[in-house]
């Protein structure tokens, strides 16, 4: 990384703990000053020090408060890019009232949202904000706020989720524009969960239908575009930085279905964006934005932006930093506490030993002396009696079977006129294996077995599909769309 630039990377990692590669290695490979990850699928109780306190980085987590292993975002900043302030959520309702190092600037109160609705929008762990001090090439000092978001997905079978998604977009816009009005530059990075234009989708529908969906209509007014004789920005206050630098690039996707191996044929969509306020690109502070499609490990790939400026790192991390969590704070325990603990432990052991000795003496007083006048004789007899009783309790009460019993059972089996052949058939099926899969119609190649996982009448049913990856119909290397149900619950 050049010392006079800032590299910012955003990536939907699809599970922070799913990767086998150490997270530090992944962060170092991305070669960025600020790394924003989405869909971490973590909660606070399963974050250990290898994820929270990574050497060379400071981290800021947001978790879902509604479901475990769902949603979640985290921002990692290099120790040379420590933010001035940091905050969780878009509404400000998650920040402690006494906290003074939050990003702030929430915009005018909106009557359309109740407090419960705002808490619900922030309750899924979908936003982290970090505010940095930067110095441009012209030696100007300014603020840059990075908003790391994982926007909700609209489930076609749950209409309320589309409403939730649009409300999240509206709150995101209000907060970003309020921060922009305060004088800070703003970058919105993350999985936006919409392919804005037909060029951003591998197989769009009719263009009129495609462009008139609620999410795409929202971003038409949110984003600015250059128009007019002066080629000035008009419309919204933010720019899709990738399309600003690559307006006509096709097949530029960031997300692919893994179950159909669609990445092999690049049959995907562009869901991951970096939006900046118009001034950053107009003044050539933001100099590049691209897709890092060569990096695997998730159903998404990272996206990257480069700014021609430097971060003036603060000396101390904001109070929201993970390093200040009690479980990672590393508060030193004084030596005197260990000495007091050892002293108390020794005293407890001494008291327990004294109590056990007194109890044994009381028990021996109740035992009469033997015929020889010696107490030890009756102690031995009592111990032997207890041993014999214990042995008798452990012996099985079932009578041991004789050899004749086994012959009797064998005779009964041999005389059974209708033997059960089900175990025999089951073993035959296990040893011979399933029948070969049917050949697909298009390529005459063995198909692959799949199972319906979506809730509904067919959930759990098996079916066969073409083994090739999903792709466009004109691509000879893509799937031929062969489909066949497994009949009668028996695999071919």
Protein backbone atom coordinates (compact mmCIF):
# COMPACT_ATOMS: atom_id res chain seq x y z
CA UNK A 1 0.00 0.00 0.00
CA UNK A 2 1.28 3.43 -0.93
CA UNK A 3 1.70 5.79 1.98
CA UNK A 4 -0.24 8.62 0.29
CA UNK A 5 -3.40 6.60 -0.39
CA UNK A 6 -6.21 5.00 1.59
CA UNK A 7 -7.42 1.55 0.51
CA UNK A 8 -10.89 0.53 1.65
CA UNK A 9 -12.28 -2.97 1.05
CA UNK A 10 -15.80 -4.27 1.60
CA UNK A 11 -16.69 -7.97 1.55
CA UNK A 12 -19.70 -10.11 2.42
CA UNK A 13 -17.72 -12.95 3.97
CA UNK A 14 -20.74 -15.24 4.58
CA UNK A 15 -19.65 -16.37 8.03
CA UNK A 16 -16.65 -15.03 9.94
CA UNK A 17 -15.86 -18.44 11.45
CA UNK A 18 -16.57 -20.43 8.28
CA UNK A 19 -13.16 -19.89 6.73
CA UNK A 20 -10.31 -22.27 7.54
CA UNK A 21 -7.71 -19.57 6.84
CA UNK A 22 -6.69 -17.48 9.88
CA UNK A 23 -8.51 -14.15 9.76
CA UNK A 24 -5.29 -12.17 10.11
CA UNK A 25 -3.99 -13.80 6.92
CA UNK A 26 -7.19 -12.81 5.11
CA UNK A 27 -7.00 -9.21 6.32
CA UNK A 28 -3.33 -8.92 5.40
CA UNK A 29 -4.03 -10.37 1.92
CA UNK A 30 -6.67 -7.71 1.25
CA UNK A 31 -3.99 -5.01 1.75
CA UNK A 32 -6.41 -2.35 2.98
CA UNK A 33 -6.42 0.30 5.70
CA UNK A 34 -10.12 -0.16 6.46
CA UNK A 35 -11.81 -3.54 5.92
CA UNK A 36 -15.60 -3.79 6.22
CA UNK A 37 -17.09 -7.30 6.45
CA UNK A 38 -20.76 -8.22 6.29
CA UNK A 39 -22.84 -11.29 7.17
CA UNK A 40 -20.43 -12.33 9.92
CA UNK A 41 -23.10 -14.62 11.48
CA UNK A 42 -21.55 -14.22 14.92
CA UNK A 43 -22.72 -13.26 18.38
CA UNK A 44 -20.67 -11.86 21.20
CA UNK A 45 -20.48 -15.13 23.10
CA UNK A 46 -18.70 -16.96 20.25
CA UNK A 47 -16.14 -14.25 19.46
CA UNK A 48 -12.73 -15.15 20.79
CA UNK A 49 -9.51 -13.17 20.86
CA UNK A 50 -8.38 -14.51 17.46
CA UNK A 51 -11.28 -12.60 15.88
CA UNK A 52 -11.57 -9.63 18.24
CA UNK A 53 -7.97 -8.59 18.89
CA UNK A 54 -6.00 -9.23 15.72
CA UNK A 55 -2.42 -8.06 15.78
CA UNK A 56 -2.11 -4.80 13.84
CA UNK A 57 -5.86 -4.05 13.75
CA UNK A 58 -8.62 -2.57 15.91
CA UNK A 59 -12.15 -3.91 15.44
CA UNK A 60 -15.77 -2.78 15.80
CA UNK A 61 -18.58 -5.39 15.85
CA UNK A 62 -22.34 -5.27 15.55
CA UNK A 63 -24.42 -8.41 16.22
CA UNK A 64 -28.01 -9.38 15.60
CA UNK A 65 -30.10 -9.01 18.73
CA UNK A 66 -32.92 -11.09 17.23
CA UNK A 67 -31.37 -14.30 15.93
CA UNK A 68 -28.17 -16.18 16.60
CA UNK A 69 -25.86 -16.87 13.66
CA UNK A 70 -27.60 -14.27 11.50
CA UNK A 71 -26.53 -11.04 9.82
CA UNK A 72 -23.80 -9.02 11.61
CA UNK A 73 -21.06 -6.63 10.43
CA UNK A 74 -17.54 -5.79 11.58
CA UNK A 75 -15.05 -3.10 10.60
CA UNK A 76 -11.31 -3.72 11.00
CA UNK A 77 -9.01 -0.69 10.90
CA UNK A 78 -5.26 -0.91 10.79
CA UNK A 79 -3.53 0.57 13.80
CA UNK A 80 -2.24 3.31 11.50
CA UNK A 81 -5.87 4.23 10.70
CA UNK A 82 -7.55 4.35 14.13
CA UNK A 83 -10.86 6.24 13.87
CA UNK A 84 -11.65 9.33 15.86
CA UNK A 85 -15.13 8.01 16.76
CA UNK A 86 -17.10 4.81 16.15
CA UNK A 87 -20.73 3.79 16.58
CA UNK A 88 -23.13 0.89 16.13
CA UNK A 89 -26.39 1.31 14.22
CA UNK A 90 -27.98 4.04 12.11
CA UNK A 91 -30.53 5.45 14.55
CA UNK A 92 -28.37 6.40 17.55
CA UNK A 93 -30.59 4.36 19.88
CA UNK A 94 -27.91 1.72 20.47
CA UNK A 95 -25.28 4.17 21.73
CA UNK A 96 -24.90 4.71 25.50
CA UNK A 97 -26.30 8.05 26.64
CA UNK A 98 -23.04 8.92 28.38
CA UNK A 99 -20.85 8.12 25.39
CA UNK A 100 -19.04 11.16 23.98
CA UNK A 101 -17.03 9.53 21.19
CA UNK A 102 -19.89 8.55 18.86
CA UNK A 103 -20.22 9.70 15.25
CA UNK A 104 -23.51 11.52 15.91
CA UNK A 105 -25.62 13.55 13.43
CA UNK A 106 -28.90 11.63 13.07
CA UNK A 107 -30.95 14.07 11.02
CA UNK A 108 -34.36 15.50 11.74
CA UNK A 109 -36.77 13.25 13.67
CA UNK A 110 -39.10 11.42 11.33
CA UNK A 111 -42.72 10.93 12.33
CA UNK A 112 -42.96 7.92 10.02
CA UNK A 113 -40.91 5.76 12.40
CA UNK A 114 -41.77 4.84 15.97
CA UNK A 115 -39.01 4.16 18.48
CA UNK A 116 -39.84 0.46 18.36
CA UNK A 117 -39.52 0.47 14.58
CA UNK A 118 -36.14 2.20 14.73
CA UNK A 119 -34.90 -0.26 17.34
CA UNK A 120 -36.09 -3.10 15.12
CA UNK A 121 -34.18 -1.71 12.12
CA UNK A 122 -31.01 -1.54 14.23
CA UNK A 123 -31.68 -4.84 16.00
CA UNK A 124 -30.27 -7.13 13.31
CA UNK A 125 -26.65 -5.91 13.53
CA UNK A 126 -26.50 -4.30 10.09
CA UNK A 127 -24.44 -1.10 10.49
CA UNK A 128 -21.11 0.12 11.89
CA UNK A 129 -19.86 3.70 11.49
CA UNK A 130 -16.27 4.86 11.87
CA UNK A 131 -15.21 8.49 11.52
CA UNK A 132 -11.63 9.26 10.49
CA UNK A 133 -9.49 12.37 10.14
CA UNK A 134 -7.90 12.60 6.68
CA UNK A 135 -5.44 14.91 4.96
CA UNK A 136 -5.79 15.42 1.21
CA UNK A 137 -3.05 15.96 -1.35
CA UNK A 138 -3.73 19.71 -1.07
CA UNK A 139 -2.83 19.45 2.66
CA UNK A 140 -6.44 20.03 3.65
CA UNK A 141 -7.71 18.32 6.79
CA UNK A 142 -11.20 16.86 6.72
CA UNK A 143 -13.36 14.08 8.14
CA UNK A 144 -14.32 10.86 6.39
CA UNK A 145 -17.15 8.71 7.78
CA UNK A 146 -17.29 5.10 6.60
CA UNK A 147 -20.72 3.46 6.96
CA UNK A 148 -20.42 -0.33 6.78
CA UNK A 149 -23.87 -1.82 6.05
CA UNK A 150 -25.48 -5.17 5.34
CA UNK A 151 -28.85 -4.22 3.89
CA UNK A 152 -31.80 -6.60 4.35
CA UNK A 153 -32.95 -8.99 1.67
CA UNK A 154 -36.56 -8.89 0.50
CA UNK A 155 -38.11 -12.35 0.77
CA UNK A 156 -40.82 -12.76 -1.93
CA UNK A 157 -42.83 -14.95 0.47
CA UNK A 158 -42.68 -12.41 3.30
CA UNK A 159 -44.06 -9.03 2.16
CA UNK A 160 -43.18 -7.45 5.53
CA UNK A 161 -39.46 -7.96 4.74
CA UNK A 162 -39.72 -5.73 1.66
CA UNK A 163 -41.20 -3.00 3.85
CA UNK A 164 -38.40 -3.59 6.38
CA UNK A 165 -35.80 -3.32 3.61
CA UNK A 166 -37.20 -0.05 2.26
CA UNK A 167 -37.40 1.44 5.78
CA UNK A 168 -33.75 0.49 6.31
CA UNK A 169 -32.82 2.26 3.06
CA UNK A 170 -34.67 5.39 4.16
CA UNK A 171 -32.98 5.50 7.57
CA UNK A 172 -29.60 4.90 5.88
CA UNK A 173 -30.21 7.84 3.56
CA UNK A 174 -31.31 10.15 6.40
CA UNK A 175 -28.25 9.31 8.47
CA UNK A 176 -25.76 9.56 5.59
CA UNK A 177 -27.13 12.92 4.43
CA UNK A 178 -27.12 14.26 8.01
CA UNK A 179 -23.44 13.33 8.43
CA UNK A 180 -22.70 14.85 5.03
CA UNK A 181 -24.46 18.09 6.09
CA UNK A 182 -22.23 18.22 9.19
CA UNK A 183 -19.18 18.70 6.93
CA UNK A 184 -17.81 15.15 6.79
CA UNK A 185 -17.22 13.19 3.61
CA UNK A 186 -19.20 9.93 3.54
CA UNK A 187 -18.57 6.48 2.11
CA UNK A 188 -21.34 3.86 2.25
CA UNK A 189 -19.89 0.41 1.69
CA UNK A 190 -21.34 -3.07 1.88
CA UNK A 191 -23.86 -5.56 0.58
CA UNK A 192 -26.76 -3.38 -0.58
CA UNK A 193 -28.79 -6.41 -1.72
CA UNK A 194 -30.01 -4.94 -5.00
CA UNK A 195 -28.68 -4.99 -8.57
CA UNK A 196 -29.43 -1.41 -9.56
CA UNK A 197 -29.43 -1.53 -13.36
CA UNK A 198 -29.91 -4.33 -15.94
CA UNK A 199 -26.16 -4.19 -16.63
CA UNK A 200 -25.65 -5.32 -13.03
CA UNK A 201 -27.61 -8.57 -13.51
CA UNK A 202 -26.69 -11.71 -15.49
CA UNK A 203 -30.21 -12.34 -16.72
CA UNK A 204 -32.55 -9.37 -16.16
CA UNK A 205 -36.25 -9.53 -16.94
CA UNK A 206 -38.01 -7.16 -19.26
CA UNK A 207 -36.19 -3.84 -18.69
CA UNK A 208 -39.33 -1.91 -17.81
CA UNK A 209 -40.36 -4.48 -15.20
CA UNK A 210 -36.78 -4.79 -13.92
CA UNK A 211 -36.30 -1.05 -13.34
CA UNK A 212 -39.67 -0.47 -11.67
CA UNK A 213 -39.12 -2.52 -8.54
CA UNK A 214 -39.28 -0.53 -5.26
CA UNK A 215 -35.62 -1.05 -4.33
CA UNK A 216 -34.33 0.11 -7.71
CA UNK A 217 -36.65 3.10 -7.75
CA UNK A 218 -35.25 4.10 -4.34
CA UNK A 219 -31.65 4.12 -5.63
CA UNK A 220 -32.64 6.09 -8.72
CA UNK A 221 -33.36 9.05 -6.41
CA UNK A 222 -30.57 8.24 -3.92
CA UNK A 223 -27.74 8.23 -6.49
CA UNK A 224 -26.47 11.15 -8.54
CA UNK A 225 -25.75 11.07 -12.25
CA UNK A 226 -23.89 13.41 -14.55
CA UNK A 227 -26.03 15.27 -17.06
CA UNK A 228 -26.29 18.52 -18.94
CA UNK A 229 -23.77 20.54 -20.93
CA UNK A 230 -21.58 21.12 -17.85
CA UNK A 231 -21.50 17.39 -17.08
CA UNK A 232 -22.43 18.17 -13.50
CA UNK A 233 -23.96 15.80 -10.98
CA UNK A 234 -27.68 15.91 -10.61
CA UNK A 235 -30.21 14.00 -8.55
CA UNK A 236 -28.98 12.42 -5.34
CA UNK A 237 -25.97 13.24 -3.18
CA UNK A 238 -24.04 9.98 -3.65
CA UNK A 239 -22.25 8.22 -6.49
CA UNK A 240 -21.97 4.55 -7.42
CA UNK A 241 -18.18 4.68 -7.58
CA UNK A 242 -17.73 1.51 -9.64
CA UNK A 243 -20.05 2.75 -12.38
CA UNK A 244 -18.42 6.18 -12.21
CA UNK A 245 -15.07 4.65 -13.24
CA UNK A 246 -16.46 1.73 -15.30
CA UNK A 247 -19.78 2.90 -16.77
CA UNK A 248 -20.03 0.29 -19.55
CA UNK A 249 -18.27 -2.75 -18.12
CA UNK A 250 -20.46 -5.82 -18.50
CA UNK A 251 -20.45 -9.10 -16.57
CA UNK A 252 -19.10 -7.22 -13.55
CA UNK A 253 -20.71 -9.20 -10.75
CA UNK A 254 -20.00 -9.66 -7.04
CA UNK A 255 -22.37 -12.48 -6.00
CA UNK A 256 -23.05 -15.97 -7.37
CA UNK A 257 -25.15 -18.92 -6.24
CA UNK A 258 -22.94 -21.61 -4.74
CA UNK A 259 -25.40 -24.51 -5.00
CA UNK A 260 -25.42 -24.24 -8.81
CA UNK A 261 -21.69 -23.34 -9.05
CA UNK A 262 -22.72 -20.25 -10.98
CA UNK A 263 -19.38 -18.53 -10.41
CA UNK A 264 -17.76 -20.89 -12.93
CA UNK A 265 -19.90 -19.38 -15.70
CA UNK A 266 -20.04 -15.90 -14.12
CA UNK A 267 -23.82 -16.13 -13.85
CA UNK A 268 -24.22 -13.59 -11.06
CA UNK A 269 -25.35 -10.17 -9.88
CA UNK A 270 -23.70 -7.02 -8.54
CA UNK A 271 -24.98 -6.55 -5.00
CA UNK A 272 -21.90 -5.02 -3.32
CA UNK A 273 -21.22 -1.30 -3.70
CA UNK A 274 -19.13 1.61 -2.55
CA UNK A 275 -21.10 4.87 -2.62
CA UNK A 276 -19.33 8.18 -2.02
CA UNK A 277 -20.53 11.75 -1.76
CA UNK A 278 -20.15 13.52 -5.09
CA UNK A 279 -17.39 15.86 -3.91
CA UNK A 280 -14.94 13.01 -3.31
CA UNK A 281 -15.01 11.94 -6.98
CA UNK A 282 -15.51 15.45 -8.36
CA UNK A 283 -12.31 16.65 -6.67
CA UNK A 284 -10.45 13.45 -7.59
CA UNK A 285 -9.94 12.44 -3.99
CA UNK A 286 -11.47 9.03 -4.73
CA UNK A 287 -9.36 7.81 -7.63
CA UNK A 288 -10.47 4.22 -8.28
CA UNK A 289 -13.15 1.65 -7.48
CA UNK A 290 -13.13 -1.95 -8.63
CA UNK A 291 -14.31 -5.52 -8.07
CA UNK A 292 -11.82 -8.09 -6.71
CA UNK A 293 -13.43 -11.07 -8.45
CA UNK A 294 -10.25 -13.16 -8.21
CA UNK A 295 -10.68 -13.54 -4.44
CA UNK A 296 -12.78 -16.56 -3.41
CA UNK A 297 -13.94 -17.99 -0.11
CA UNK A 298 -17.54 -16.72 -0.09
CA UNK A 299 -20.55 -16.48 -2.39
CA UNK A 300 -19.56 -12.80 -2.72
CA UNK A 301 -16.25 -11.25 -3.75
CA UNK A 302 -14.72 -8.07 -2.27
CA UNK A 303 -15.00 -4.58 -3.74
CA UNK A 304 -12.36 -1.90 -3.29
CA UNK A 305 -11.95 1.89 -3.38
CA UNK A 306 -8.74 3.95 -3.42
CA UNK A 307 -8.56 7.50 -2.06
CA UNK A 308 -5.72 9.91 -2.78
CA UNK A 309 -5.26 11.06 0.82
CA UNK A 310 -3.92 9.81 4.14
CA UNK A 311 -5.54 9.00 7.47
CA UNK A 312 -4.34 10.88 10.53
CA UNK A 313 -4.65 8.12 13.08
CA UNK A 314 -5.79 8.98 16.59
CA UNK A 315 -3.72 7.79 19.54
CA UNK A 316 -6.54 6.00 21.36
CA UNK A 317 -9.31 3.77 20.00
CA UNK A 318 -12.93 4.90 20.56
CA UNK A 319 -14.72 3.36 23.53
CA UNK A 320 -16.81 1.17 21.20
CA UNK A 321 -13.67 -0.73 20.14
CA UNK A 322 -13.72 -4.48 20.86
CA UNK A 323 -10.46 -4.28 22.78
CA UNK A 324 -12.34 -2.61 25.65
CA UNK A 325 -14.77 -5.48 26.13
CA UNK A 326 -14.28 -6.86 29.67
CA UNK A 327 -13.37 -10.29 28.31
CA UNK A 328 -10.54 -8.80 26.24
CA UNK A 329 -9.56 -5.76 28.32
CA UNK A 330 -6.76 -7.66 30.11
CA UNK A 331 -7.11 -5.91 33.43
CA UNK A 332 -4.08 -6.88 35.51
CA UNK A 333 -4.72 -8.63 38.82
CA UNK A 334 -2.50 -7.55 41.71
CA UNK A 335 -0.11 -10.05 43.30
CA UNK A 336 -1.64 -9.51 46.75
CA UNK A 337 -4.94 -11.03 45.51
CA UNK A 338 -3.14 -14.28 44.64
CA UNK A 339 -1.48 -14.38 48.06
CA UNK A 340 -4.80 -13.82 49.83
CA UNK A 341 -6.41 -16.52 47.72
CA UNK A 342 -3.66 -19.04 48.62
CA UNK A 343 -3.96 -18.16 52.30
CA UNK A 344 -7.73 -18.66 52.27
CA UNK A 345 -7.38 -21.94 50.37
CA UNK A 346 -4.92 -23.33 52.93
CA UNK A 347 -7.22 -22.28 55.76
CA UNK A 348 -10.21 -23.99 54.11
CA UNK A 349 -8.24 -27.22 53.57
CA UNK A 350 -7.15 -27.19 57.21
CA UNK A 351 -10.73 -26.70 58.45
CA UNK A 352 -12.09 -29.47 56.19
CA UNK A 353 -9.41 -31.91 57.43
CA UNK A 354 -10.20 -31.08 61.06
CA UNK A 355 -13.95 -31.62 60.49
CA UNK A 356 -13.42 -35.03 58.83
CA UNK A 357 -11.19 -36.17 61.73
CA UNK A 358 -13.82 -35.19 64.30
CA UNK A 359 -16.53 -37.09 62.37
CA UNK A 360 -14.41 -40.28 62.24
CA UNK A 361 -13.81 -40.11 66.00
CA UNK A 362 -17.57 -39.79 66.64
CA UNK A 363 -18.27 -42.82 64.44
CA UNK A 364 -15.70 -45.01 66.26
CA UNK A 365 -17.27 -44.15 69.63
CA UNK A 366 -20.53 -45.87 68.55
CA UNK A 367 -18.77 -49.14 67.59
CA UNK A 368 -18.54 -51.66 70.48
CA UNK A 369 -15.27 -53.40 71.26
CA UNK A 370 -14.68 -57.01 70.15
CA UNK A 371 -14.42 -60.14 72.28
CA UNK A 372 -10.73 -59.51 72.75
CA UNK A 373 -11.54 -56.05 74.04
CA UNK A 374 -9.97 -54.48 70.95
CA UNK A 375 -11.81 -51.87 68.89
CA UNK A 376 -10.02 -52.86 65.66
CA UNK A 377 -11.67 -56.30 65.55
CA UNK A 378 -15.18 -54.89 65.14
CA UNK A 379 -13.96 -52.24 62.66
CA UNK A 380 -12.56 -54.98 60.40
CA UNK A 381 -15.80 -57.02 60.68
CA UNK A 382 -17.93 -53.95 59.86
CA UNK A 383 -15.79 -53.07 56.82
CA UNK A 384 -16.00 -56.69 55.54
CA UNK A 385 -19.79 -56.72 55.99
CA UNK A 386 -20.16 -53.50 53.96
CA UNK A 387 -17.89 -54.92 51.23
CA UNK A 388 -19.95 -58.14 50.97
CA UNK A 389 -23.19 -56.16 50.70
CA UNK A 390 -21.75 -54.01 47.92
CA UNK A 391 -20.52 -57.06 45.98
CA UNK A 392 -23.93 -58.70 46.23
CA UNK A 393 -25.64 -55.56 44.90
CA UNK A 394 -23.37 -55.49 41.83
CA UNK A 395 -23.92 -59.16 40.87
CA UNK A 396 -26.50 -59.67 38.09
CA UNK A 397 -29.78 -61.19 39.19
CA UNK A 398 -30.43 -62.84 35.81
CA UNK A 399 -29.75 -66.55 35.71
CA UNK A 400 -26.89 -67.59 33.44
CA UNK A 401 -28.02 -69.16 30.17
CA UNK A 402 -26.90 -72.70 29.34
CA UNK A 403 -25.62 -74.01 26.03
CA UNK A 404 -28.96 -75.80 25.49
CA UNK A 405 -30.77 -72.45 25.45
CA UNK A 406 -28.83 -71.38 22.38
CA UNK A 407 -29.69 -74.56 20.51
CA UNK A 408 -33.37 -74.07 21.38
CA UNK A 409 -33.36 -70.57 19.86
CA UNK A 410 -31.64 -71.87 16.73
CA UNK A 411 -34.30 -74.53 16.31
CA UNK A 412 -37.06 -71.95 16.64
CA UNK A 413 -35.51 -69.76 13.94
CA UNK A 414 -35.10 -72.72 11.59
CA UNK A 415 -38.73 -73.74 12.03
CA UNK A 416 -40.04 -70.20 11.27
CA UNK A 417 -42.01 -70.68 8.02
CA UNK A 418 -41.82 -66.96 7.03
CA UNK A 419 -38.33 -65.57 7.63
CA UNK A 420 -37.93 -61.76 7.64
CA UNK A 421 -36.05 -60.77 4.46
CA UNK A 422 -36.04 -57.00 5.10
CA UNK A 423 -32.57 -57.00 6.76
CA UNK A 424 -31.22 -59.08 3.85
CA UNK A 425 -32.54 -56.62 1.27
CA UNK A 426 -31.22 -53.68 3.27
CA UNK A 427 -27.73 -55.18 3.35
CA UNK A 428 -27.90 -55.89 -0.37
CA UNK A 429 -28.74 -52.22 -1.05
CA UNK A 430 -25.88 -51.04 1.17
CA UNK A 431 -23.33 -53.39 -0.39
CA UNK A 432 -24.37 -52.88 -4.02
CA UNK A 433 -24.95 -49.09 -3.73
CA UNK A 434 -27.55 -46.96 -5.52
CA UNK A 435 -28.26 -47.27 -9.20
CA UNK A 436 -26.47 -44.89 -11.58
CA UNK A 437 -27.92 -41.40 -11.88
CA UNK A 438 -29.92 -40.67 -15.05
CA UNK A 439 -28.24 -38.86 -17.92
CA UNK A 440 -29.22 -35.24 -18.55
CA UNK A 441 -30.97 -34.51 -21.83
CA UNK A 442 -28.63 -31.82 -23.11
CA UNK A 443 -25.15 -33.28 -22.52
CA UNK A 444 -25.92 -36.98 -21.94
CA UNK A 445 -23.85 -36.80 -18.76
CA UNK A 446 -24.70 -38.24 -15.31
CA UNK A 447 -26.89 -35.84 -13.36
CA UNK A 448 -26.45 -34.94 -9.68
CA UNK A 449 -28.79 -35.61 -6.76
CA UNK A 450 -30.29 -32.68 -4.83
CA UNK A 451 -32.81 -32.37 -2.00
CA UNK A 452 -35.54 -29.75 -1.61
CA UNK A 453 -34.74 -27.67 1.49
CA UNK A 454 -37.28 -24.89 1.03
CA UNK A 455 -40.34 -25.22 3.30
CA UNK A 456 -43.40 -26.45 1.41
CA UNK A 457 -45.13 -29.59 0.16
CA UNK A 458 -41.97 -30.88 -1.56
CA UNK A 459 -39.56 -30.26 1.31
CA UNK A 460 -37.26 -33.26 1.76
CA UNK A 461 -37.91 -34.71 -1.70
CA UNK A 462 -34.92 -35.75 -3.84
CA UNK A 463 -34.44 -34.81 -7.47
CA UNK A 464 -31.80 -34.93 -10.21
CA UNK A 465 -30.45 -31.93 -12.16
CA UNK A 466 -27.78 -31.35 -14.75
CA UNK A 467 -24.32 -31.48 -13.16
CA UNK A 468 -22.98 -28.45 -15.05
CA UNK A 469 -22.99 -24.96 -13.45
CA UNK A 470 -25.88 -22.57 -13.93
CA UNK A 471 -25.45 -20.07 -16.74
CA UNK A 472 -26.99 -18.45 -19.79
CA UNK A 473 -28.82 -20.75 -22.20
CA UNK A 474 -26.46 -19.77 -25.03
CA UNK A 475 -23.42 -20.90 -23.04
CA UNK A 476 -22.64 -24.54 -24.02
CA UNK A 477 -20.78 -25.08 -20.75
CA UNK A 478 -23.77 -24.19 -18.58
CA UNK A 479 -26.58 -26.37 -17.27
CA UNK A 480 -29.13 -27.77 -19.73
CA UNK A 481 -31.87 -27.34 -17.09
CA UNK A 482 -32.50 -31.09 -16.85
CA UNK A 483 -34.78 -31.97 -13.93
CA UNK A 484 -36.24 -35.26 -12.69
CA UNK A 485 -37.94 -36.18 -9.43
CA UNK A 486 -36.78 -39.30 -7.61
CA UNK A 487 -39.85 -41.56 -7.91
CA UNK A 488 -41.32 -43.46 -4.94
CA UNK A 489 -38.59 -42.23 -2.67
CA UNK A 490 -36.05 -44.53 -4.40
CA UNK A 491 -32.85 -43.13 -5.84
CA UNK A 492 -31.96 -44.38 -9.30
